[in-house]
């Protein structure tokens, strides 16, 4: 966070379950892990007071007696929103439905650090002072589902999509991942930012490479090296004004009356250009 702040970043996105690690397995049942995850999240919230950046981290969170795989949006000590993962993989080597629950469509609130924040997979974060910045979030498998949440985020007005991921590597995975995310960015006419778990997550029979990708309307703006030993950051500039113009040309908002868009919650935040 400090390194990105020093380089004048406006947003920083971490991988899926970045506070605990993705491959904790049945340790997700342990109260000590969930307690320390909460402490870790609290430290990040406190530290965010030092920067105007929006920080997006992954954490397991209990809500209404169920555990969720969440993205937590933080800015200057405030929790803007909590987005739970919708599509939980439960095939091959993935067992997420063993530990986590999928969210309902109902808009809810969650209390963290004595703060109430919206809890929903349908949250749109809009900058108060820049109508071209609207952010939607999905988590790893969400993007690989038949109808990804980002499709609805784009229709709801998102110009930026953040994806926190722990997408494992195998033969051919890199090219498939890039083709899919490029297509998602082009179809939704958004800037798409993808950050996956790093090589030190490879503690089981899965391999993670820390692949990071940034697209703008389907065009690759930035790609990290895979299997970096250091905690590398990938930076890029995304032209949200251009994206908004393209969306107006294509009249993407003409579909905004879809039933699936009626439950969206809009959260406004202070955006500081840097």
Protein backbone atom coordinates (compact mmCIF):
# COMPACT_ATOMS: atom_id res chain seq x y z
CA UNK A 1 0.00 0.00 0.00
CA UNK A 2 2.80 2.42 0.90
CA UNK A 3 4.69 1.62 -2.28
CA UNK A 4 1.62 2.19 -4.47
CA UNK A 5 0.85 5.40 -2.60
CA UNK A 6 4.40 6.65 -3.17
CA UNK A 7 3.85 6.07 -6.89
CA UNK A 8 0.64 8.13 -6.83
CA UNK A 9 -1.78 5.23 -7.47
CA UNK A 10 -5.47 6.03 -7.08
CA UNK A 11 -6.62 2.41 -6.63
CA UNK A 12 -4.87 -0.75 -5.46
CA UNK A 13 -6.29 -4.27 -5.85
CA UNK A 14 -5.02 -7.32 -3.98
CA UNK A 15 -5.70 -11.00 -4.79
CA UNK A 16 -8.59 -13.13 -3.52
CA UNK A 17 -8.48 -13.86 0.23
CA UNK A 18 -5.24 -11.89 0.34
CA UNK A 19 -5.34 -11.38 4.11
CA UNK A 20 -5.36 -15.11 4.96
CA UNK A 21 -4.26 -16.78 1.73
CA UNK A 22 -6.58 -18.77 -0.53
CA UNK A 23 -5.35 -22.30 0.26
CA UNK A 24 -6.20 -22.46 3.98
CA UNK A 25 -8.60 -25.36 3.43
CA UNK A 26 -10.41 -26.52 6.57
CA UNK A 27 -8.53 -23.91 8.59
CA UNK A 28 -11.31 -21.59 7.43
CA UNK A 29 -13.40 -23.37 10.08
CA UNK A 30 -11.01 -22.25 12.83
CA UNK A 31 -12.02 -19.27 14.94
CA UNK A 32 -8.39 -18.25 15.48
CA UNK A 33 -7.89 -17.80 11.72
CA UNK A 34 -11.07 -15.76 11.35
CA UNK A 35 -10.16 -13.68 14.40
CA UNK A 36 -6.68 -12.89 13.06
CA UNK A 37 -8.15 -12.15 9.62
CA UNK A 38 -10.38 -9.59 11.31
CA UNK A 39 -7.36 -8.10 13.10
CA UNK A 40 -5.46 -7.94 9.81
CA UNK A 41 -8.36 -6.17 8.14
CA UNK A 42 -8.52 -3.70 11.04
CA UNK A 43 -4.83 -2.85 10.63
CA UNK A 44 -5.35 -2.15 6.93
CA UNK A 45 -8.39 0.03 7.66
CA UNK A 46 -6.35 2.04 10.19
CA UNK A 47 -3.40 2.32 7.79
CA UNK A 48 -5.67 3.56 4.99
CA UNK A 49 -6.02 6.85 6.88
CA UNK A 50 -2.55 7.71 5.54
CA UNK A 51 -3.54 7.70 1.87
CA UNK A 52 -6.44 8.82 -0.36
CA UNK A 53 -6.17 5.59 -2.40
CA UNK A 54 -9.06 3.17 -2.58
CA UNK A 55 -7.82 -0.20 -1.30
CA UNK A 56 -9.47 -3.47 -2.30
CA UNK A 57 -8.50 -6.55 -0.26
CA UNK A 58 -9.81 -10.09 0.02
CA UNK A 59 -10.90 -11.61 3.33
CA UNK A 60 -13.13 -14.38 4.77
CA UNK A 61 -15.95 -12.72 6.72
CA UNK A 62 -18.74 -14.10 8.89
CA UNK A 63 -22.18 -12.63 8.25
CA UNK A 64 -25.47 -13.94 9.64
CA UNK A 65 -23.70 -17.10 10.88
CA UNK A 66 -22.31 -17.94 7.44
CA UNK A 67 -18.81 -17.51 6.01
CA UNK A 68 -18.27 -15.55 2.81
CA UNK A 69 -15.31 -15.03 0.48
CA UNK A 70 -15.31 -11.24 0.22
CA UNK A 71 -13.74 -8.21 -1.39
CA UNK A 72 -13.56 -5.28 1.03
CA UNK A 73 -13.42 -1.75 -0.40
CA UNK A 74 -11.60 0.67 1.91
CA UNK A 75 -10.77 4.36 1.68
CA UNK A 76 -9.28 6.61 4.37
CA UNK A 77 -10.52 4.53 7.28
CA UNK A 78 -13.96 3.95 5.85
CA UNK A 79 -15.39 0.67 4.56
CA UNK A 80 -17.22 1.61 1.38
CA UNK A 81 -18.66 -1.82 0.66
CA UNK A 82 -18.22 -5.58 1.02
CA UNK A 83 -18.75 -7.72 -2.07
CA UNK A 84 -19.13 -11.51 -1.50
CA UNK A 85 -18.14 -13.99 -4.18
CA UNK A 86 -21.17 -15.23 -6.12
CA UNK A 87 -19.94 -18.30 -8.02
CA UNK A 88 -18.12 -20.78 -5.78
CA UNK A 89 -16.16 -23.46 -7.70
CA UNK A 90 -16.76 -26.97 -6.47
CA UNK A 91 -15.15 -29.18 -9.08
CA UNK A 92 -11.77 -30.81 -9.62
CA UNK A 93 -9.42 -29.54 -6.95
CA UNK A 94 -11.71 -26.73 -5.76
CA UNK A 95 -13.94 -27.11 -2.68
CA UNK A 96 -15.16 -23.60 -1.95
CA UNK A 97 -18.73 -24.66 -1.23
CA UNK A 98 -17.32 -26.68 1.67
CA UNK A 99 -16.38 -23.44 3.47
CA UNK A 100 -18.19 -20.49 1.90
CA UNK A 101 -21.76 -19.48 1.12
CA UNK A 102 -23.11 -17.66 -1.93
CA UNK A 103 -24.91 -14.36 -1.29
CA UNK A 104 -28.60 -13.78 -1.84
CA UNK A 105 -29.80 -11.04 -4.17
CA UNK A 106 -31.11 -9.02 -1.24
CA UNK A 107 -29.23 -5.87 -0.29
CA UNK A 108 -27.83 -6.23 3.22
CA UNK A 109 -25.45 -4.51 5.61
CA UNK A 110 -22.49 -5.85 7.55
CA UNK A 111 -20.80 -4.39 10.63
CA UNK A 112 -16.99 -4.29 10.69
CA UNK A 113 -14.97 -2.22 13.17
CA UNK A 114 -18.15 -0.54 14.38
CA UNK A 115 -18.90 0.54 10.83
CA UNK A 116 -21.99 -0.44 8.88
CA UNK A 117 -21.30 -1.09 5.20
CA UNK A 118 -23.40 -2.43 2.33
CA UNK A 119 -22.99 -6.18 1.80
CA UNK A 120 -23.98 -7.32 -1.68
CA UNK A 121 -22.62 -8.68 -4.94
CA UNK A 122 -24.46 -5.79 -6.62
CA UNK A 123 -22.57 -2.73 -5.44
CA UNK A 124 -21.52 0.10 -7.70
CA UNK A 125 -18.98 2.57 -6.30
CA UNK A 126 -19.18 6.00 -7.93
CA UNK A 127 -16.83 8.95 -7.56
CA UNK A 128 -18.60 12.05 -6.29
CA UNK A 129 -16.48 14.43 -8.35
CA UNK A 130 -16.04 12.38 -11.54
CA UNK A 131 -19.08 10.87 -13.24
CA UNK A 132 -16.80 8.76 -15.46
CA UNK A 133 -15.59 6.62 -12.52
CA UNK A 134 -17.92 3.82 -11.45
CA UNK A 135 -16.51 0.56 -10.07
CA UNK A 136 -17.90 -2.96 -9.97
CA UNK A 137 -16.16 -5.93 -8.33
CA UNK A 138 -16.12 -9.67 -8.98
CA UNK A 139 -13.99 -12.45 -7.54
CA UNK A 140 -12.08 -15.02 -9.61
CA UNK A 141 -14.59 -17.74 -10.65
CA UNK A 142 -17.26 -15.08 -11.09
CA UNK A 143 -15.51 -14.02 -14.30
CA UNK A 144 -15.40 -17.59 -15.60
CA UNK A 145 -19.11 -18.29 -15.07
CA UNK A 146 -21.64 -18.44 -17.91
CA UNK A 147 -23.06 -15.00 -17.08
CA UNK A 148 -20.42 -13.19 -15.02
CA UNK A 149 -21.43 -10.46 -12.55
CA UNK A 150 -19.28 -8.02 -14.56
CA UNK A 151 -21.85 -8.23 -17.38
CA UNK A 152 -24.45 -6.73 -15.07
CA UNK A 153 -21.93 -4.32 -13.52
CA UNK A 154 -21.26 -2.94 -17.00
CA UNK A 155 -24.96 -2.55 -17.74
CA UNK A 156 -25.45 -0.88 -14.36
CA UNK A 157 -22.90 1.77 -15.34
CA UNK A 158 -19.49 0.47 -14.23
CA UNK A 159 -16.53 1.82 -16.18
CA UNK A 160 -14.00 -0.12 -14.08
CA UNK A 161 -14.15 -3.78 -13.01
CA UNK A 162 -11.83 -5.09 -10.30
CA UNK A 163 -11.23 -8.84 -10.06
CA UNK A 164 -9.56 -10.31 -6.98
CA UNK A 165 -8.45 -13.80 -7.95
CA UNK A 166 -6.62 -16.95 -6.94
CA UNK A 167 -6.59 -18.47 -10.41
CA UNK A 168 -4.28 -21.48 -10.56
CA UNK A 169 -1.95 -22.13 -13.48
CA UNK A 170 -1.76 -25.17 -15.73
CA UNK A 171 -0.84 -25.80 -19.36
CA UNK A 172 -2.68 -23.28 -21.53
CA UNK A 173 -4.19 -21.35 -18.61
CA UNK A 174 -2.38 -18.10 -19.33
CA UNK A 175 -3.64 -17.69 -22.88
CA UNK A 176 -7.19 -18.76 -21.95
CA UNK A 177 -7.24 -16.29 -19.03
CA UNK A 178 -6.06 -13.42 -21.21
CA UNK A 179 -8.57 -14.18 -23.97
CA UNK A 180 -11.46 -14.34 -21.50
CA UNK A 181 -10.60 -11.13 -19.63
CA UNK A 182 -9.97 -9.24 -22.86
CA UNK A 183 -13.40 -10.32 -24.06
CA UNK A 184 -15.05 -9.30 -20.77
CA UNK A 185 -13.43 -5.88 -20.93
CA UNK A 186 -14.50 -5.38 -24.56
CA UNK A 187 -18.08 -6.60 -24.06
CA UNK A 188 -18.66 -4.44 -20.99
CA UNK A 189 -16.61 -1.52 -22.40
CA UNK A 190 -14.72 -1.21 -19.13
CA UNK A 191 -11.25 -1.02 -17.72
CA UNK A 192 -10.69 -4.51 -16.28
CA UNK A 193 -8.11 -5.00 -13.51
CA UNK A 194 -7.14 -8.56 -12.51
CA UNK A 195 -4.84 -9.52 -9.64
CA UNK A 196 -4.19 -13.20 -8.88
CA UNK A 197 -2.53 -14.99 -5.97
CA UNK A 198 1.27 -15.17 -6.06
CA UNK A 199 3.69 -18.07 -6.25
CA UNK A 200 3.98 -18.40 -2.45
CA UNK A 201 0.33 -19.48 -2.42
CA UNK A 202 1.51 -22.69 -4.13
CA UNK A 203 1.57 -24.75 -0.91
CA UNK A 204 -0.74 -27.53 -2.12
CA UNK A 205 -0.94 -29.41 -5.43
CA UNK A 206 -2.06 -26.20 -7.17
CA UNK A 207 0.31 -23.70 -8.76
CA UNK A 208 -0.21 -19.93 -8.59
CA UNK A 209 1.79 -17.43 -10.62
CA UNK A 210 0.72 -13.99 -9.40
CA UNK A 211 -0.48 -13.06 -12.87
CA UNK A 212 -1.71 -9.46 -13.07
CA UNK A 213 -3.54 -7.99 -16.08
CA UNK A 214 -5.05 -4.62 -16.95
CA UNK A 215 -7.33 -4.08 -19.96
CA UNK A 216 -9.11 -1.08 -21.43
CA UNK A 217 -12.08 -1.92 -23.67
CA UNK A 218 -10.43 -5.23 -24.59
CA UNK A 219 -6.95 -3.78 -25.18
CA UNK A 220 -4.13 -5.07 -22.97
CA UNK A 221 -2.54 -2.13 -21.15
CA UNK A 222 -0.35 -4.04 -18.73
CA UNK A 223 0.74 -7.58 -17.89
CA UNK A 224 3.04 -8.72 -15.11
CA UNK A 225 5.66 -11.41 -15.27
CA UNK A 226 4.49 -14.67 -13.79
CA UNK A 227 6.16 -16.32 -10.77
CA UNK A 228 7.73 -13.12 -9.48
CA UNK A 229 9.55 -13.71 -6.21
CA UNK A 230 9.02 -10.16 -5.00
CA UNK A 231 5.67 -8.53 -4.33
CA UNK A 232 5.55 -6.84 -7.71
CA UNK A 233 3.05 -4.10 -8.50
CA UNK A 234 1.59 -3.54 -11.95
CA UNK A 235 0.59 0.02 -12.84
CA UNK A 236 -1.41 1.48 -15.70
CA UNK A 237 -3.47 4.51 -16.66
CA UNK A 238 -7.05 3.83 -17.75
CA UNK A 239 -8.88 6.48 -19.78
CA UNK A 240 -12.30 6.43 -18.10
CA UNK A 241 -13.44 9.47 -20.08
CA UNK A 242 -12.85 7.57 -23.32
CA UNK A 243 -14.68 4.54 -21.93
CA UNK A 244 -17.67 6.70 -20.96
CA UNK A 245 -17.74 8.19 -24.47
CA UNK A 246 -17.68 4.74 -26.08
CA UNK A 247 -20.49 3.56 -23.81
CA UNK A 248 -22.62 6.54 -24.84
CA UNK A 249 -21.98 5.82 -28.52
CA UNK A 250 -23.06 2.19 -28.08
CA UNK A 251 -26.03 3.24 -25.91
CA UNK A 252 -25.18 0.57 -23.34
CA UNK A 253 -27.43 2.29 -20.78
CA UNK A 254 -30.49 1.50 -22.95
CA UNK A 255 -30.57 -1.94 -21.28
CA UNK A 256 -30.50 -0.51 -17.75
CA UNK A 257 -34.13 -1.53 -17.09
CA UNK A 258 -33.28 -5.24 -16.84
CA UNK A 259 -34.73 -7.02 -13.80
CA UNK A 260 -31.22 -8.06 -12.68
CA UNK A 261 -30.18 -4.42 -12.27
CA UNK A 262 -32.93 -3.37 -9.86
CA UNK A 263 -31.13 -4.52 -6.69
CA UNK A 264 -27.96 -2.49 -7.22
CA UNK A 265 -26.68 -0.32 -4.39
CA UNK A 266 -24.73 2.81 -5.28
CA UNK A 267 -21.99 3.98 -2.93
CA UNK A 268 -20.40 7.40 -3.48
CA UNK A 269 -16.78 8.05 -2.56
CA UNK A 270 -14.34 10.96 -2.65
CA UNK A 271 -11.94 10.55 -5.55
CA UNK A 272 -8.59 12.35 -5.40
CA UNK A 273 -6.89 12.69 -8.84
CA UNK A 274 -3.15 12.18 -8.49
